[in-house]
Amino acid sequence: MKLPDYDYKSTLTAFGLVIPICLALWLLAVPTTMSLATFAVTISVMLAGSLVALATWNNGRATRSIAHVLNDVEKAGPRE
């Protein structure tokens, strides 16, 4: 019986992202553990990162639906 191959890069990436996010959430939940300036910078960096992620996701989507593509193909067909 052969065990399935796992992608360890995705596991390491998940841990590499989960630990800093959990640490940031803990620091935000207990604001007395950091100064006001650090708190403000952390909030602004997290908001900016969220905006970049949303913009990247939005720009990565298809610009047209499949109906537009089919319509263009039909228009480009041979004339009778």
N, C-alpha and C. Protein backbone atom coordinates (compact mmCIF):
# COMPACT_ATOMS: atom_id res chain seq x y z
N MET A 1 0.85 -1.17 0.00
CA MET A 1 0.00 0.00 0.00
C MET A 1 0.89 1.24 0.00
N LYS A 2 0.67 2.10 -1.00
CA LYS A 2 1.49 3.29 -1.12
C LYS A 2 0.76 4.48 -0.50
N LEU A 3 1.48 5.26 0.30
CA LEU A 3 0.90 6.45 0.90
C LEU A 3 0.85 7.56 -0.14
N PRO A 4 -0.15 8.42 -0.09
CA PRO A 4 -0.24 9.51 -1.06
C PRO A 4 0.87 10.53 -0.84
N ASP A 5 1.30 11.14 -1.93
CA ASP A 5 2.33 12.18 -1.84
C ASP A 5 1.66 13.48 -1.42
N TYR A 6 2.26 14.13 -0.42
CA TYR A 6 1.72 15.39 0.06
C TYR A 6 2.63 16.52 -0.38
N ASP A 7 2.03 17.65 -0.61
CA ASP A 7 2.78 18.83 -0.98
C ASP A 7 3.18 19.57 0.30
N TYR A 8 4.42 19.42 0.71
CA TYR A 8 4.87 20.01 1.96
C TYR A 8 5.08 21.52 1.84
N LYS A 9 5.21 22.02 0.62
CA LYS A 9 5.37 23.46 0.45
C LYS A 9 4.11 24.19 0.88
N SER A 10 2.95 23.65 0.55
CA SER A 10 1.71 24.31 0.94
C SER A 10 1.52 24.26 2.46
N THR A 11 1.95 23.17 3.09
CA THR A 11 1.85 23.07 4.55
C THR A 11 2.76 24.08 5.21
N LEU A 12 3.99 24.20 4.72
CA LEU A 12 4.92 25.18 5.28
C LEU A 12 4.43 26.60 5.04
N THR A 13 3.86 26.84 3.88
CA THR A 13 3.32 28.16 3.59
C THR A 13 2.16 28.48 4.53
N ALA A 14 1.30 27.50 4.77
CA ALA A 14 0.17 27.72 5.68
C ALA A 14 0.66 28.07 7.08
N PHE A 15 1.64 27.32 7.58
CA PHE A 15 2.17 27.63 8.91
C PHE A 15 2.90 28.97 8.90
N GLY A 16 3.56 29.28 7.79
CA GLY A 16 4.26 30.56 7.69
C GLY A 16 3.32 31.73 7.67
N LEU A 17 2.08 31.52 7.24
CA LEU A 17 1.10 32.60 7.24
C LEU A 17 0.23 32.61 8.50
N VAL A 18 -0.08 31.44 9.01
CA VAL A 18 -0.98 31.35 10.16
C VAL A 18 -0.33 31.92 11.42
N ILE A 19 0.92 31.61 11.65
CA ILE A 19 1.58 32.07 12.87
C ILE A 19 1.66 33.59 12.94
N PRO A 20 2.14 34.29 11.89
CA PRO A 20 2.15 35.76 11.98
C PRO A 20 0.76 36.38 12.08
N ILE A 21 -0.23 35.79 11.41
CA ILE A 21 -1.59 36.33 11.50
C ILE A 21 -2.15 36.16 12.91
N CYS A 22 -1.93 35.00 13.50
CA CYS A 22 -2.39 34.78 14.88
C CYS A 22 -1.68 35.72 15.85
N LEU A 23 -0.39 35.93 15.64
CA LEU A 23 0.36 36.86 16.49
C LEU A 23 -0.18 38.28 16.34
N ALA A 24 -0.45 38.70 15.10
CA ALA A 24 -0.99 40.04 14.87
C ALA A 24 -2.37 40.19 15.50
N LEU A 25 -3.21 39.16 15.40
CA LEU A 25 -4.54 39.23 16.01
C LEU A 25 -4.44 39.28 17.53
N TRP A 26 -3.49 38.56 18.11
CA TRP A 26 -3.31 38.61 19.56
C TRP A 26 -2.84 39.99 19.98
N LEU A 27 -1.91 40.57 19.22
CA LEU A 27 -1.44 41.91 19.55
C LEU A 27 -2.55 42.94 19.42
N LEU A 28 -3.43 42.76 18.44
CA LEU A 28 -4.54 43.69 18.29
C LEU A 28 -5.60 43.48 19.36
N ALA A 29 -5.75 42.26 19.84
CA ALA A 29 -6.75 41.97 20.87
C ALA A 29 -6.30 42.52 22.23
N VAL A 30 -4.99 42.61 22.43
CA VAL A 30 -4.45 43.12 23.69
C VAL A 30 -3.58 44.33 23.35
N PRO A 31 -4.20 45.48 23.10
CA PRO A 31 -3.43 46.63 22.64
C PRO A 31 -2.46 47.20 23.66
N THR A 32 -2.58 46.81 24.93
CA THR A 32 -1.65 47.33 25.93
C THR A 32 -0.28 46.68 25.81
N THR A 33 -0.14 45.65 24.97
CA THR A 33 1.17 45.00 24.81
C THR A 33 2.07 45.75 23.86
N MET A 34 1.54 46.76 23.14
CA MET A 34 2.37 47.53 22.23
C MET A 34 2.00 49.01 22.33
N SER A 35 2.89 49.83 21.80
CA SER A 35 2.65 51.26 21.86
C SER A 35 1.56 51.67 20.87
N LEU A 36 1.06 52.88 21.02
CA LEU A 36 0.00 53.37 20.15
C LEU A 36 0.48 53.50 18.70
N ALA A 37 1.73 53.92 18.50
CA ALA A 37 2.27 54.06 17.15
C ALA A 37 2.38 52.70 16.46
N THR A 38 2.84 51.69 17.19
CA THR A 38 2.94 50.35 16.63
C THR A 38 1.56 49.80 16.29
N PHE A 39 0.60 50.08 17.16
CA PHE A 39 -0.78 49.66 16.93
C PHE A 39 -1.32 50.28 15.64
N ALA A 40 -1.09 51.59 15.47
CA ALA A 40 -1.57 52.29 14.28
C ALA A 40 -0.89 51.78 13.02
N VAL A 41 0.40 51.53 13.08
CA VAL A 41 1.14 51.02 11.92
C VAL A 41 0.67 49.61 11.58
N THR A 42 0.45 48.78 12.58
CA THR A 42 -0.02 47.41 12.34
C THR A 42 -1.39 47.42 11.68
N ILE A 43 -2.29 48.26 12.15
CA ILE A 43 -3.62 48.36 11.55
C ILE A 43 -3.52 48.83 10.10
N SER A 44 -2.70 49.85 9.84
CA SER A 44 -2.59 50.37 8.47
C SER A 44 -1.97 49.35 7.53
N VAL A 45 -0.97 48.60 7.99
CA VAL A 45 -0.35 47.58 7.15
C VAL A 45 -1.33 46.45 6.85
N MET A 46 -2.10 46.05 7.85
CA MET A 46 -3.08 44.99 7.62
C MET A 46 -4.18 45.44 6.67
N LEU A 47 -4.65 46.69 6.79
CA LEU A 47 -5.65 47.21 5.87
C LEU A 47 -5.09 47.32 4.45
N ALA A 48 -3.86 47.82 4.33
CA ALA A 48 -3.25 47.95 3.00
C ALA A 48 -3.05 46.57 2.37
N GLY A 49 -2.63 45.60 3.15
CA GLY A 49 -2.46 44.24 2.63
C GLY A 49 -3.78 43.65 2.18
N SER A 50 -4.85 43.92 2.93
CA SER A 50 -6.17 43.43 2.53
C SER A 50 -6.63 44.07 1.23
N LEU A 51 -6.38 45.38 1.09
CA LEU A 51 -6.77 46.07 -0.14
C LEU A 51 -5.98 45.55 -1.34
N VAL A 52 -4.70 45.28 -1.16
CA VAL A 52 -3.89 44.73 -2.24
C VAL A 52 -4.38 43.34 -2.62
N ALA A 53 -4.71 42.51 -1.62
CA ALA A 53 -5.21 41.17 -1.90
C ALA A 53 -6.55 41.22 -2.65
N LEU A 54 -7.44 42.11 -2.24
CA LEU A 54 -8.72 42.23 -2.93
C LEU A 54 -8.55 42.76 -4.35
N ALA A 55 -7.67 43.73 -4.54
CA ALA A 55 -7.44 44.25 -5.88
C ALA A 55 -6.82 43.19 -6.78
N THR A 56 -5.90 42.40 -6.25
CA THR A 56 -5.28 41.33 -7.03
C THR A 56 -6.31 40.28 -7.41
N TRP A 57 -7.17 39.92 -6.48
CA TRP A 57 -8.21 38.94 -6.77
C TRP A 57 -9.17 39.48 -7.83
N ASN A 58 -9.55 40.74 -7.70
CA ASN A 58 -10.49 41.34 -8.64
C ASN A 58 -9.87 41.44 -10.04
N ASN A 59 -8.59 41.80 -10.14
CA ASN A 59 -7.93 41.90 -11.43
C ASN A 59 -7.63 40.53 -12.04
N GLY A 60 -7.61 39.50 -11.23
CA GLY A 60 -7.33 38.16 -11.72
C GLY A 60 -8.54 37.45 -12.28
N ARG A 61 -9.72 38.01 -12.07
CA ARG A 61 -10.93 37.38 -12.58
C ARG A 61 -11.07 37.63 -14.08
N ALA A 62 -11.85 36.82 -14.71
CA ALA A 62 -12.11 36.99 -16.13
C ALA A 62 -12.89 38.28 -16.35
N THR A 63 -12.55 38.97 -17.43
CA THR A 63 -13.21 40.25 -17.69
C THR A 63 -14.54 40.07 -18.41
N ARG A 64 -14.74 38.95 -19.06
CA ARG A 64 -15.96 38.73 -19.81
C ARG A 64 -16.54 37.37 -19.47
N SER A 65 -17.80 37.22 -19.71
CA SER A 65 -18.43 35.93 -19.46
C SER A 65 -18.29 35.05 -20.70
N ILE A 66 -18.60 33.79 -20.56
CA ILE A 66 -18.51 32.84 -21.67
C ILE A 66 -19.52 33.19 -22.76
N ALA A 67 -20.62 33.85 -22.40
CA ALA A 67 -21.60 34.25 -23.40
C ALA A 67 -21.00 35.26 -24.38
N HIS A 68 -20.18 36.18 -23.88
CA HIS A 68 -19.51 37.13 -24.76
C HIS A 68 -18.53 36.43 -25.69
N VAL A 69 -17.81 35.46 -25.16
CA VAL A 69 -16.83 34.74 -25.97
C VAL A 69 -17.54 33.98 -27.08
N LEU A 70 -18.62 33.28 -26.75
CA LEU A 70 -19.37 32.55 -27.77
C LEU A 70 -19.96 33.48 -28.82
N ASN A 71 -20.43 34.64 -28.40
CA ASN A 71 -20.97 35.60 -29.34
C ASN A 71 -19.88 36.10 -30.29
N ASP A 72 -18.68 36.36 -29.76
CA ASP A 72 -17.57 36.80 -30.61
C ASP A 72 -17.17 35.71 -31.60
N VAL A 73 -17.20 34.46 -31.17
CA VAL A 73 -16.83 33.35 -32.06
C VAL A 73 -17.86 33.23 -33.18
N GLU A 74 -19.12 33.37 -32.85
CA GLU A 74 -20.15 33.28 -33.87
C GLU A 74 -20.06 34.42 -34.87
N LYS A 75 -19.70 35.60 -34.41
CA LYS A 75 -19.54 36.75 -35.32
C LYS A 75 -18.33 36.56 -36.23
N ALA A 76 -17.30 35.90 -35.72
CA ALA A 76 -16.07 35.74 -36.49
C ALA A 76 -16.13 34.55 -37.45
N GLY A 77 -17.24 33.84 -37.47
CA GLY A 77 -17.38 32.69 -38.34
C GLY A 77 -17.44 33.08 -39.81
N PRO A 78 -17.37 32.09 -40.70
CA PRO A 78 -17.41 32.40 -42.13
C PRO A 78 -18.76 32.96 -42.55
N ARG A 79 -18.71 33.90 -43.46
CA ARG A 79 -19.95 34.51 -43.97
C ARG A 79 -20.55 33.64 -45.04
N GLU A 80 -21.83 33.55 -45.05
CA GLU A 80 -22.51 32.70 -46.04
C GLU A 80 -23.14 33.53 -47.14
